PDB file of all heavy atoms in Angstrom:
ATOM      1  N   VAL A   1       0.902  -1.194   0.029  1.00  0.00           N
ATOM      2  CA  VAL A   1      -0.025  -0.019   0.034  1.00  0.00           C
ATOM      3  C   VAL A   1       0.875   1.226   0.002  1.00  0.00           C
ATOM      4  O   VAL A   1       1.835   1.277   0.820  1.00  0.00           O
ATOM      5  CB  VAL A   1      -0.964   0.046   1.276  1.00  0.00           C
ATOM      6  CG1 VAL A   1      -1.743   1.300   1.296  1.00  0.00           C
ATOM      7  CG2 VAL A   1      -1.797  -1.155   1.182  1.00  0.00           C
ATOM      8  N   SER A   2       0.628   2.210  -0.895  1.00  0.00           N
ATOM      9  CA  SER A   2       1.439   3.383  -0.966  1.00  0.00           C
ATOM     10  C   SER A   2       0.705   4.688  -0.748  1.00  0.00           C
ATOM     11  O   SER A   2       1.287   5.735  -0.759  1.00  0.00           O
ATOM     12  CB  SER A   2       2.134   3.518  -2.370  1.00  0.00           C
ATOM     13  OG  SER A   2       1.204   3.529  -3.364  1.00  0.00           O
ATOM     14  N   GLY A   3      -0.708   4.540  -0.614  1.00  0.00           N
ATOM     15  CA  GLY A   3      -1.496   5.761  -0.408  1.00  0.00           C
ATOM     16  C   GLY A   3      -2.859   5.439   0.255  1.00  0.00           C
ATOM     17  O   GLY A   3      -3.240   4.215   0.163  1.00  0.00           O
ATOM     18  N   ILE A   4      -3.487   6.455   0.731  1.00  0.00           N
ATOM     19  CA  ILE A   4      -4.784   6.276   1.386  1.00  0.00           C
ATOM     20  C   ILE A   4      -5.865   5.891   0.374  1.00  0.00           C
ATOM     21  O   ILE A   4      -6.799   5.188   0.715  1.00  0.00           O
ATOM     22  CB  ILE A   4      -5.191   7.548   2.133  1.00  0.00           C
ATOM     23  CG1 ILE A   4      -4.109   7.806   3.258  1.00  0.00           C
ATOM     24  CG2 ILE A   4      -6.613   7.379   2.763  1.00  0.00           C
ATOM     25  CD1 ILE A   4      -3.998   6.721   4.288  1.00  0.00           C
ATOM     26  N   ALA A   5      -5.731   6.502  -0.859  1.00  0.00           N
ATOM     27  CA  ALA A   5      -6.812   6.213  -1.872  1.00  0.00           C
ATOM     28  C   ALA A   5      -6.864   4.672  -2.180  1.00  0.00           C
ATOM     29  O   ALA A   5      -7.948   4.119  -2.282  1.00  0.00           O
ATOM     30  CB  ALA A   5      -6.531   7.023  -3.043  1.00  0.00           C
ATOM     31  N   GLU A   6      -5.670   4.091  -2.372  1.00  0.00           N
ATOM     32  CA  GLU A   6      -5.591   2.691  -2.542  1.00  0.00           C
ATOM     33  C   GLU A   6      -6.151   1.870  -1.377  1.00  0.00           C
ATOM     34  O   GLU A   6      -6.902   0.940  -1.571  1.00  0.00           O
ATOM     35  CB  GLU A   6      -4.103   2.130  -2.665  1.00  0.00           C
ATOM     36  CG  GLU A   6      -3.265   2.693  -3.823  1.00  0.00           C
ATOM     37  CD  GLU A   6      -1.923   2.186  -3.838  1.00  0.00           C
ATOM     38  OE1 GLU A   6      -1.253   2.147  -2.679  1.00  0.00           O
ATOM     39  OE2 GLU A   6      -1.334   1.862  -4.770  1.00  0.00           O
ATOM     40  N   LEU A   7      -5.850   2.265  -0.197  1.00  0.00           N
ATOM     41  CA  LEU A   7      -6.322   1.530   0.984  1.00  0.00           C
ATOM     42  C   LEU A   7      -7.878   1.692   0.997  1.00  0.00           C
ATOM     43  O   LEU A   7      -8.541   0.626   1.326  1.00  0.00           O
ATOM     44  CB  LEU A   7      -5.711   2.165   2.218  1.00  0.00           C
ATOM     45  CG  LEU A   7      -6.130   1.553   3.513  1.00  0.00           C
ATOM     46  CD1 LEU A   7      -5.903   0.006   3.665  1.00  0.00           C
ATOM     47  CD2 LEU A   7      -5.441   2.252   4.731  1.00  0.00           C
ATOM     48  N   ASP A   8      -8.466   2.817   0.773  1.00  0.00           N
ATOM     49  CA  ASP A   8      -9.875   2.982   0.823  1.00  0.00           C
ATOM     50  C   ASP A   8     -10.545   2.088  -0.200  1.00  0.00           C
ATOM     51  O   ASP A   8     -11.563   1.488   0.071  1.00  0.00           O
ATOM     52  CB  ASP A   8     -10.249   4.427   0.608  1.00  0.00           C
ATOM     53  CG  ASP A   8      -9.942   5.302   1.921  1.00  0.00           C
ATOM     54  OD1 ASP A   8      -9.831   4.677   2.910  1.00  0.00           O
ATOM     55  OD2 ASP A   8      -9.968   6.500   1.676  1.00  0.00           O
ATOM     56  N   GLU A   9      -9.981   1.987  -1.299  1.00  0.00           N
ATOM     57  CA  GLU A   9     -10.494   1.110  -2.428  1.00  0.00           C
ATOM     58  C   GLU A   9     -10.464  -0.353  -2.053  1.00  0.00           C
ATOM     59  O   GLU A   9     -11.481  -1.062  -2.197  1.00  0.00           O
ATOM     60  CB  GLU A   9      -9.749   1.348  -3.724  1.00  0.00           C
ATOM     61  CG  GLU A   9     -10.384   0.779  -4.914  1.00  0.00           C
ATOM     62  CD  GLU A   9      -9.678   0.999  -6.265  1.00  0.00           C
ATOM     63  OE1 GLU A   9      -8.835   1.888  -6.291  1.00  0.00           O
ATOM     64  OE2 GLU A   9      -9.999   0.336  -7.272  1.00  0.00           O
ATOM     65  N   ALA A  10      -9.392  -0.719  -1.421  1.00  0.00           N
ATOM     66  CA  ALA A  10      -9.288  -2.086  -0.940  1.00  0.00           C
ATOM     67  C   ALA A  10     -10.207  -2.376   0.231  1.00  0.00           C
ATOM     68  O   ALA A  10     -10.841  -3.463   0.191  1.00  0.00           O
ATOM     69  CB  ALA A  10      -7.841  -2.386  -0.484  1.00  0.00           C
ATOM     70  N   ILE A  11     -10.416  -1.400   1.133  1.00  0.00           N
ATOM     71  CA  ILE A  11     -11.316  -1.662   2.260  1.00  0.00           C
ATOM     72  C   ILE A  11     -12.822  -1.752   1.727  1.00  0.00           C
ATOM     73  O   ILE A  11     -13.593  -2.544   2.262  1.00  0.00           O
ATOM     74  CB  ILE A  11     -11.222  -0.439   3.180  1.00  0.00           C
ATOM     75  CG1 ILE A  11      -9.852  -0.488   3.951  1.00  0.00           C
ATOM     76  CG2 ILE A  11     -12.318  -0.383   4.208  1.00  0.00           C
ATOM     77  CD1 ILE A  11      -9.587   0.661   4.798  1.00  0.00           C
ATOM     78  N   ASN A  12     -13.127  -0.929   0.688  1.00  0.00           N
ATOM     79  CA  ASN A  12     -14.509  -0.999   0.116  1.00  0.00           C
ATOM     80  C   ASN A  12     -14.720  -2.466  -0.406  1.00  0.00           C
ATOM     81  O   ASN A  12     -15.849  -3.038  -0.144  1.00  0.00           O
ATOM     82  CB  ASN A  12     -14.713   0.014  -0.974  1.00  0.00           C
ATOM     83  CG  ASN A  12     -14.718   1.420  -0.432  1.00  0.00           C
ATOM     84  OD1 ASN A  12     -15.123   1.614   0.781  1.00  0.00           O
ATOM     85  ND2 ASN A  12     -14.474   2.379  -1.265  1.00  0.00           N
ATOM     86  N   LEU A  13     -13.733  -3.061  -1.099  1.00  0.00           N
ATOM     87  CA  LEU A  13     -13.977  -4.385  -1.564  1.00  0.00           C
ATOM     88  C   LEU A  13     -14.077  -5.357  -0.424  1.00  0.00           C
ATOM     89  O   LEU A  13     -14.722  -6.383  -0.427  1.00  0.00           O
ATOM     90  CB  LEU A  13     -12.744  -4.749  -2.616  1.00  0.00           C
ATOM     91  CG  LEU A  13     -12.860  -3.951  -3.942  1.00  0.00           C
ATOM     92  CD1 LEU A  13     -11.481  -4.255  -4.642  1.00  0.00           C
ATOM     93  CD2 LEU A  13     -13.999  -4.451  -4.808  1.00  0.00           C
ATOM     94  N   PHE A  14     -13.128  -5.118   0.504  1.00  0.00           N
ATOM     95  CA  PHE A  14     -13.288  -6.038   1.703  1.00  0.00           C
ATOM     96  C   PHE A  14     -14.562  -5.973   2.436  1.00  0.00           C
ATOM     97  O   PHE A  14     -15.173  -7.055   2.765  1.00  0.00           O
ATOM     98  CB  PHE A  14     -12.111  -5.571   2.789  1.00  0.00           C
ATOM     99  CG  PHE A  14     -12.162  -6.244   4.084  1.00  0.00           C
ATOM    100  CD1 PHE A  14     -11.646  -7.539   4.146  1.00  0.00           C
ATOM    101  CD2 PHE A  14     -12.584  -5.663   5.195  1.00  0.00           C
ATOM    102  CE1 PHE A  14     -11.562  -8.224   5.372  1.00  0.00           C
ATOM    103  CE2 PHE A  14     -12.615  -6.349   6.425  1.00  0.00           C
ATOM    104  CZ  PHE A  14     -12.148  -7.595   6.448  1.00  0.00           C
ATOM    105  N   GLU A  15     -15.150  -4.817   2.589  1.00  0.00           N
ATOM    106  CA  GLU A  15     -16.400  -4.650   3.285  1.00  0.00           C
ATOM    107  C   GLU A  15     -17.524  -5.371   2.452  1.00  0.00           C
ATOM    108  O   GLU A  15     -18.391  -5.910   2.922  1.00  0.00           O
ATOM    109  CB  GLU A  15     -16.752  -3.238   3.464  1.00  0.00           C
ATOM    110  CG  GLU A  15     -15.824  -2.540   4.469  1.00  0.00           C
ATOM    111  CD  GLU A  15     -15.882  -3.102   5.904  1.00  0.00           C
ATOM    112  OE1 GLU A  15     -16.781  -3.879   6.176  1.00  0.00           O
ATOM    113  OE2 GLU A  15     -15.126  -2.731   6.671  1.00  0.00           O
ATOM    114  N   ARG A  16     -17.374  -5.272   1.163  1.00  0.00           N
ATOM    115  CA  ARG A  16     -18.376  -5.889   0.206  1.00  0.00           C
ATOM    116  C   ARG A  16     -18.348  -7.400   0.472  1.00  0.00           C
ATOM    117  O   ARG A  16     -19.361  -8.049   0.449  1.00  0.00           O
ATOM    118  CB  ARG A  16     -18.016  -5.490  -1.185  1.00  0.00           C
ATOM    119  CG  ARG A  16     -18.848  -6.221  -2.285  1.00  0.00           C
ATOM    120  CD  ARG A  16     -18.526  -5.741  -3.648  1.00  0.00           C
ATOM    121  NE  ARG A  16     -19.000  -6.602  -4.732  1.00  0.00           N
ATOM    122  CZ  ARG A  16     -18.778  -6.484  -6.015  1.00  0.00           C
ATOM    123  NH1 ARG A  16     -18.034  -5.457  -6.453  1.00  0.00           N
ATOM    124  NH2 ARG A  16     -19.230  -7.374  -6.879  1.00  0.00           N
ATOM    125  N   ALA A  17     -17.012  -7.958   0.540  1.00  0.00           N
ATOM    126  CA  ALA A  17     -16.942  -9.389   0.645  1.00  0.00           C
ATOM    127  C   ALA A  17     -17.510  -9.777   2.063  1.00  0.00           C
ATOM    128  O   ALA A  17     -18.134 -10.850   2.195  1.00  0.00           O
ATOM    129  CB  ALA A  17     -15.505  -9.800   0.586  1.00  0.00           C
ATOM    130  N   VAL A  18     -17.194  -9.002   3.154  1.00  0.00           N
ATOM    131  CA  VAL A  18     -17.801  -9.298   4.465  1.00  0.00           C
ATOM    132  C   VAL A  18     -19.323  -9.327   4.450  1.00  0.00           C
ATOM    133  O   VAL A  18     -19.853 -10.215   4.969  1.00  0.00           O
ATOM    134  CB  VAL A  18     -17.272  -8.218   5.380  1.00  0.00           C
ATOM    135  CG1 VAL A  18     -18.001  -8.335   6.748  1.00  0.00           C
ATOM    136  CG2 VAL A  18     -15.748  -8.356   5.736  1.00  0.00           C
ATOM    137  N   LYS A  19     -19.832  -8.377   3.736  1.00  0.00           N
ATOM    138  CA  LYS A  19     -21.321  -8.323   3.688  1.00  0.00           C
ATOM    139  C   LYS A  19     -21.883  -9.631   2.996  1.00  0.00           C
ATOM    140  O   LYS A  19     -22.876 -10.252   3.412  1.00  0.00           O
ATOM    141  CB  LYS A  19     -21.795  -7.100   2.912  1.00  0.00           C
ATOM    142  CG  LYS A  19     -23.240  -6.824   2.839  1.00  0.00           C
ATOM    143  CD  LYS A  19     -23.590  -5.565   2.182  1.00  0.00           C
ATOM    144  CE  LYS A  19     -25.150  -5.413   2.100  1.00  0.00           C
ATOM    145  NZ  LYS A  19     -25.545  -4.117   1.405  1.00  0.00           N
ATOM    146  N   GLU A  20     -21.253  -9.998   1.844  1.00  0.00           N
ATOM    147  CA  GLU A  20     -21.748 -11.186   1.186  1.00  0.00           C
ATOM    148  C   GLU A  20     -21.622 -12.424   1.883  1.00  0.00           C
ATOM    149  O   GLU A  20     -22.543 -13.247   1.950  1.00  0.00           O
ATOM    150  CB  GLU A  20     -20.977 -11.278  -0.164  1.00  0.00           C
ATOM    151  CG  GLU A  20     -21.188 -10.174  -1.226  1.00  0.00           C
ATOM    152  CD  GLU A  20     -20.375 -10.289  -2.506  1.00  0.00           C
ATOM    153  OE1 GLU A  20     -19.694 -11.373  -2.594  1.00  0.00           O
ATOM    154  OE2 GLU A  20     -20.355  -9.360  -3.238  1.00  0.00           O
ATOM    155  N   ILE A  21     -20.491 -12.689   2.641  1.00  0.00           N
ATOM    156  CA  ILE A  21     -20.309 -13.952   3.425  1.00  0.00           C
ATOM    157  C   ILE A  21     -21.113 -13.871   4.554  1.00  0.00           C
ATOM    158  O   ILE A  21     -21.601 -14.967   4.980  1.00  0.00           O
ATOM    159  CB  ILE A  21     -18.718 -14.095   3.613  1.00  0.00           C
ATOM    160  CG1 ILE A  21     -17.975 -14.227   2.350  1.00  0.00           C
ATOM    161  CG2 ILE A  21     -18.546 -15.233   4.455  1.00  0.00           C
ATOM    162  CD1 ILE A  21     -18.409 -15.340   1.403  1.00  0.00           C
ATOM    163  N   ALA A  22     -21.318 -12.723   5.229  1.00  0.00           N
ATOM    164  CA  ALA A  22     -22.133 -12.556   6.446  1.00  0.00           C
ATOM    165  C   ALA A  22     -23.632 -13.053   6.105  1.00  0.00           C
ATOM    166  O   ALA A  22     -24.272 -13.776   6.855  1.00  0.00           O
ATOM    167  CB  ALA A  22     -22.120 -11.200   6.964  1.00  0.00           C
ATOM    168  N   GLN A  23     -24.101 -12.603   4.941  1.00  0.00           N
ATOM    169  CA  GLN A  23     -25.417 -12.905   4.520  1.00  0.00           C
ATOM    170  C   GLN A  23     -25.550 -14.424   4.176  1.00  0.00           C
ATOM    171  O   GLN A  23     -26.586 -15.116   4.619  1.00  0.00           O
ATOM    172  CB  GLN A  23     -25.820 -12.127   3.311  1.00  0.00           C
ATOM    173  CG  GLN A  23     -26.002 -10.632   3.590  1.00  0.00           C
ATOM    174  CD  GLN A  23     -26.330  -9.806   2.316  1.00  0.00           C
ATOM    175  OE1 GLN A  23     -26.099 -10.204   1.181  1.00  0.00           O
ATOM    176  NE2 GLN A  23     -26.699  -8.568   2.503  1.00  0.00           N
ATOM    177  N   GLU A  24     -24.491 -14.873   3.518  1.00  0.00           N
ATOM    178  CA  GLU A  24     -24.528 -16.373   3.187  1.00  0.00           C
ATOM    179  C   GLU A  24     -24.404 -17.186   4.541  1.00  0.00           C
ATOM    180  O   GLU A  24     -25.082 -18.181   4.568  1.00  0.00           O
ATOM    181  CB  GLU A  24     -23.255 -16.573   2.313  1.00  0.00           C
ATOM    182  CG  GLU A  24     -23.100 -18.029   1.983  1.00  0.00           C
ATOM    183  CD  GLU A  24     -21.747 -18.243   1.123  1.00  0.00           C
ATOM    184  OE1 GLU A  24     -21.639 -17.601   0.092  1.00  0.00           O
ATOM    185  OE2 GLU A  24     -20.971 -19.041   1.583  1.00  0.00           O
ATOM    186  N   ALA A  25     -23.651 -16.731   5.359  1.00  0.00           N
ATOM    187  CA  ALA A  25     -23.526 -17.438   6.744  1.00  0.00           C
ATOM    188  C   ALA A  25     -24.860 -17.513   7.509  1.00  0.00           C
ATOM    189  O   ALA A  25     -25.183 -18.466   8.071  1.00  0.00           O
ATOM    190  CB  ALA A  25     -22.448 -16.910   7.594  1.00  0.00           C
ATOM    191  N   ALA A  26     -25.505 -16.363   7.419  1.00  0.00           N
ATOM    192  CA  ALA A  26     -26.676 -16.194   8.220  1.00  0.00           C
ATOM    193  C   ALA A  26     -27.823 -17.166   7.750  1.00  0.00           C
ATOM    194  O   ALA A  26     -28.573 -17.700   8.496  1.00  0.00           O
ATOM    195  CB  ALA A  26     -27.176 -14.831   8.136  1.00  0.00           C
ATOM    196  N   ILE A  27     -27.854 -17.456   6.392  1.00  0.00           N
ATOM    197  CA  ILE A  27     -28.769 -18.307   5.852  1.00  0.00           C
ATOM    198  C   ILE A  27     -28.640 -19.748   6.396  1.00  0.00           C
ATOM    199  O   ILE A  27     -29.580 -20.507   6.588  1.00  0.00           O
ATOM    200  CB  ILE A  27     -28.637 -18.401   4.307  1.00  0.00           C
ATOM    201  CG1 ILE A  27     -29.000 -16.994   3.664  1.00  0.00           C
ATOM    202  CG2 ILE A  27     -29.517 -19.488   3.681  1.00  0.00           C
ATOM    203  CD1 ILE A  27     -28.769 -16.928   2.201  1.00  0.00           C
ATOM    204  N   HIS A  28     -27.392 -20.057   6.682  1.00  0.00           N
ATOM    205  CA  HIS A  28     -27.049 -21.475   7.313  1.00  0.00           C
ATOM    206  C   HIS A  28     -26.951 -21.374   8.828  1.00  0.00           C
ATOM    207  O   HIS A  28     -26.395 -22.273   9.424  1.00  0.00           O
ATOM    208  CB  HIS A  28     -25.763 -21.967   6.714  1.00  0.00           C
ATOM    209  CG  HIS A  28     -25.860 -22.246   5.202  1.00  0.00           C
ATOM    210  ND1 HIS A  28     -25.536 -21.213   4.297  1.00  0.00           N
ATOM    211  CD2 HIS A  28     -26.218 -23.293   4.451  1.00  0.00           C
ATOM    212  CE1 HIS A  28     -25.744 -21.659   3.059  1.00  0.00           C
ATOM    213  NE2 HIS A  28     -26.178 -22.861   3.128  1.00  0.00           N
ATOM    214  N   GLY A  29     -27.382 -20.333   9.482  1.00  0.00           N
ATOM    215  CA  GLY A  29     -27.401 -20.261  10.865  1.00  0.00           C
ATOM    216  C   GLY A  29     -26.082 -19.946  11.442  1.00  0.00           C
ATOM    217  O   GLY A  29     -25.783 -20.275  12.707  1.00  0.00           O
TER     218      GLY A  29
END
């Protein structure tokens, strides 16, 4: 990582993945 803009973009993708897997996990309890 060399700048904040890169980090923010990576965090956005990370949060998107967290949301998707959290929803998938909730379906299976």
